[in-house]
Amino acid sequence: MAFWLAIITPLAYPPLLLGGLDSQSFLIFVGVVALNVFGLLAGRGYGDPA
């Protein structure tokens, strides 16, 4: 699931950046980036043979 989180979360970047980053949307952007980093780290072994 973390692998797919890492794949899906970057889709939220363009709408957030194009809408401008006020204080609330900046916090949402930072949260989305944190979720993306978590997904990248937790899902890095996806598809590796066990």
N, C-alpha and C. Protein backbone atom coordinates (compact mmCIF):
# COMPACT_ATOMS: atom_id res chain seq x y z
N MET A 1 0.82 -1.19 0.00
CA MET A 1 0.00 0.00 0.00
C MET A 1 0.87 1.26 0.00
N ALA A 2 2.00 1.21 0.69
CA ALA A 2 2.89 2.36 0.74
C ALA A 2 3.45 2.69 -0.64
N PHE A 3 3.70 1.66 -1.43
CA PHE A 3 4.18 1.88 -2.80
C PHE A 3 3.18 2.72 -3.58
N TRP A 4 1.91 2.35 -3.50
CA TRP A 4 0.89 3.08 -4.25
C TRP A 4 0.67 4.47 -3.68
N LEU A 5 0.86 4.64 -2.39
CA LEU A 5 0.81 5.97 -1.79
C LEU A 5 1.88 6.86 -2.40
N ALA A 6 3.07 6.31 -2.58
CA ALA A 6 4.16 7.07 -3.19
C ALA A 6 3.88 7.40 -4.65
N ILE A 7 3.09 6.57 -5.33
CA ILE A 7 2.75 6.81 -6.73
C ILE A 7 1.65 7.86 -6.85
N ILE A 8 0.67 7.81 -5.96
CA ILE A 8 -0.51 8.66 -6.08
C ILE A 8 -0.31 10.08 -5.53
N THR A 9 0.42 10.24 -4.43
CA THR A 9 0.51 11.55 -3.79
C THR A 9 1.07 12.67 -4.67
N PRO A 10 2.01 12.42 -5.57
CA PRO A 10 2.48 13.53 -6.41
C PRO A 10 1.40 14.13 -7.31
N LEU A 11 0.31 13.43 -7.51
CA LEU A 11 -0.78 13.99 -8.32
C LEU A 11 -1.42 15.19 -7.64
N ALA A 12 -1.23 15.34 -6.35
CA ALA A 12 -1.79 16.48 -5.63
C ALA A 12 -0.91 17.72 -5.73
N TYR A 13 0.33 17.59 -6.17
CA TYR A 13 1.23 18.74 -6.25
C TYR A 13 0.76 19.84 -7.20
N PRO A 14 0.43 19.52 -8.46
CA PRO A 14 0.06 20.61 -9.38
C PRO A 14 -1.13 21.45 -8.93
N PRO A 15 -2.25 20.85 -8.47
CA PRO A 15 -3.35 21.72 -8.04
C PRO A 15 -2.98 22.61 -6.85
N LEU A 16 -2.19 22.08 -5.94
CA LEU A 16 -1.79 22.88 -4.79
C LEU A 16 -0.86 24.02 -5.21
N LEU A 17 0.07 23.73 -6.10
CA LEU A 17 1.01 24.76 -6.51
C LEU A 17 0.37 25.79 -7.44
N LEU A 18 -0.52 25.34 -8.31
CA LEU A 18 -1.18 26.28 -9.23
C LEU A 18 -2.17 27.18 -8.51
N GLY A 19 -2.72 26.70 -7.40
CA GLY A 19 -3.67 27.50 -6.62
C GLY A 19 -3.01 28.52 -5.72
N GLY A 20 -1.71 28.47 -5.64
CA GLY A 20 -0.99 29.38 -4.75
C GLY A 20 -0.89 28.77 -3.36
N LEU A 21 0.16 29.11 -2.65
CA LEU A 21 0.39 28.53 -1.35
C LEU A 21 0.20 29.58 -0.26
N ASP A 22 -1.01 29.69 0.25
CA ASP A 22 -1.23 30.50 1.43
C ASP A 22 -0.88 29.64 2.64
N SER A 23 -1.10 30.12 3.84
CA SER A 23 -0.65 29.39 5.03
C SER A 23 -1.33 28.02 5.16
N GLN A 24 -2.61 27.93 4.87
CA GLN A 24 -3.32 26.65 5.01
C GLN A 24 -2.91 25.67 3.92
N SER A 25 -2.86 26.12 2.68
CA SER A 25 -2.50 25.21 1.60
C SER A 25 -1.02 24.82 1.68
N PHE A 26 -0.19 25.69 2.27
CA PHE A 26 1.21 25.33 2.46
C PHE A 26 1.33 24.16 3.43
N LEU A 27 0.54 24.17 4.50
CA LEU A 27 0.55 23.06 5.45
C LEU A 27 0.05 21.78 4.80
N ILE A 28 -0.96 21.89 3.95
CA ILE A 28 -1.45 20.71 3.22
C ILE A 28 -0.37 20.20 2.28
N PHE A 29 0.32 21.12 1.59
CA PHE A 29 1.40 20.73 0.68
C PHE A 29 2.51 20.01 1.43
N VAL A 30 2.90 20.53 2.58
CA VAL A 30 3.94 19.89 3.39
C VAL A 30 3.48 18.50 3.84
N GLY A 31 2.20 18.37 4.20
CA GLY A 31 1.67 17.07 4.58
C GLY A 31 1.68 16.08 3.43
N VAL A 32 1.35 16.54 2.24
CA VAL A 32 1.37 15.66 1.06
C VAL A 32 2.80 15.24 0.74
N VAL A 33 3.74 16.16 0.86
CA VAL A 33 5.15 15.81 0.63
C VAL A 33 5.61 14.79 1.67
N ALA A 34 5.21 14.98 2.93
CA ALA A 34 5.58 14.03 3.99
C ALA A 34 4.98 12.65 3.70
N LEU A 35 3.73 12.61 3.25
CA LEU A 35 3.12 11.32 2.88
C LEU A 35 3.87 10.68 1.73
N ASN A 36 4.29 11.49 0.78
CA ASN A 36 5.03 10.96 -0.36
C ASN A 36 6.37 10.38 0.08
N VAL A 37 7.08 11.07 0.95
CA VAL A 37 8.36 10.57 1.45
C VAL A 37 8.14 9.29 2.25
N PHE A 38 7.11 9.26 3.09
CA PHE A 38 6.80 8.05 3.84
C PHE A 38 6.52 6.88 2.89
N GLY A 39 5.72 7.13 1.88
CA GLY A 39 5.40 6.09 0.91
C GLY A 39 6.63 5.60 0.17
N LEU A 40 7.53 6.51 -0.18
CA LEU A 40 8.76 6.12 -0.87
C LEU A 40 9.64 5.24 0.02
N LEU A 41 9.76 5.62 1.28
CA LEU A 41 10.61 4.85 2.19
C LEU A 41 9.98 3.52 2.58
N ALA A 42 8.70 3.52 2.88
CA ALA A 42 8.03 2.30 3.32
C ALA A 42 7.77 1.33 2.18
N GLY A 43 7.61 1.83 0.97
CA GLY A 43 7.27 0.97 -0.16
C GLY A 43 8.43 0.65 -1.07
N ARG A 44 9.63 0.94 -0.65
CA ARG A 44 10.79 0.76 -1.56
C ARG A 44 11.08 -0.69 -1.89
N GLY A 45 10.60 -1.64 -1.10
CA GLY A 45 10.87 -3.04 -1.37
C GLY A 45 9.77 -3.73 -2.16
N TYR A 46 8.79 -2.98 -2.64
CA TYR A 46 7.66 -3.55 -3.37
C TYR A 46 8.16 -4.26 -4.62
N GLY A 47 7.74 -5.48 -4.79
CA GLY A 47 8.09 -6.24 -5.99
C GLY A 47 9.40 -6.98 -5.89
N ASP A 48 10.17 -6.77 -4.82
CA ASP A 48 11.41 -7.52 -4.64
C ASP A 48 11.08 -8.95 -4.24
N PRO A 49 11.81 -9.90 -4.77
CA PRO A 49 11.58 -11.29 -4.34
C PRO A 49 11.94 -11.44 -2.87
N ALA A 50 11.12 -12.14 -2.15
CA ALA A 50 11.33 -12.28 -0.70
C ALA A 50 12.39 -13.29 -0.36
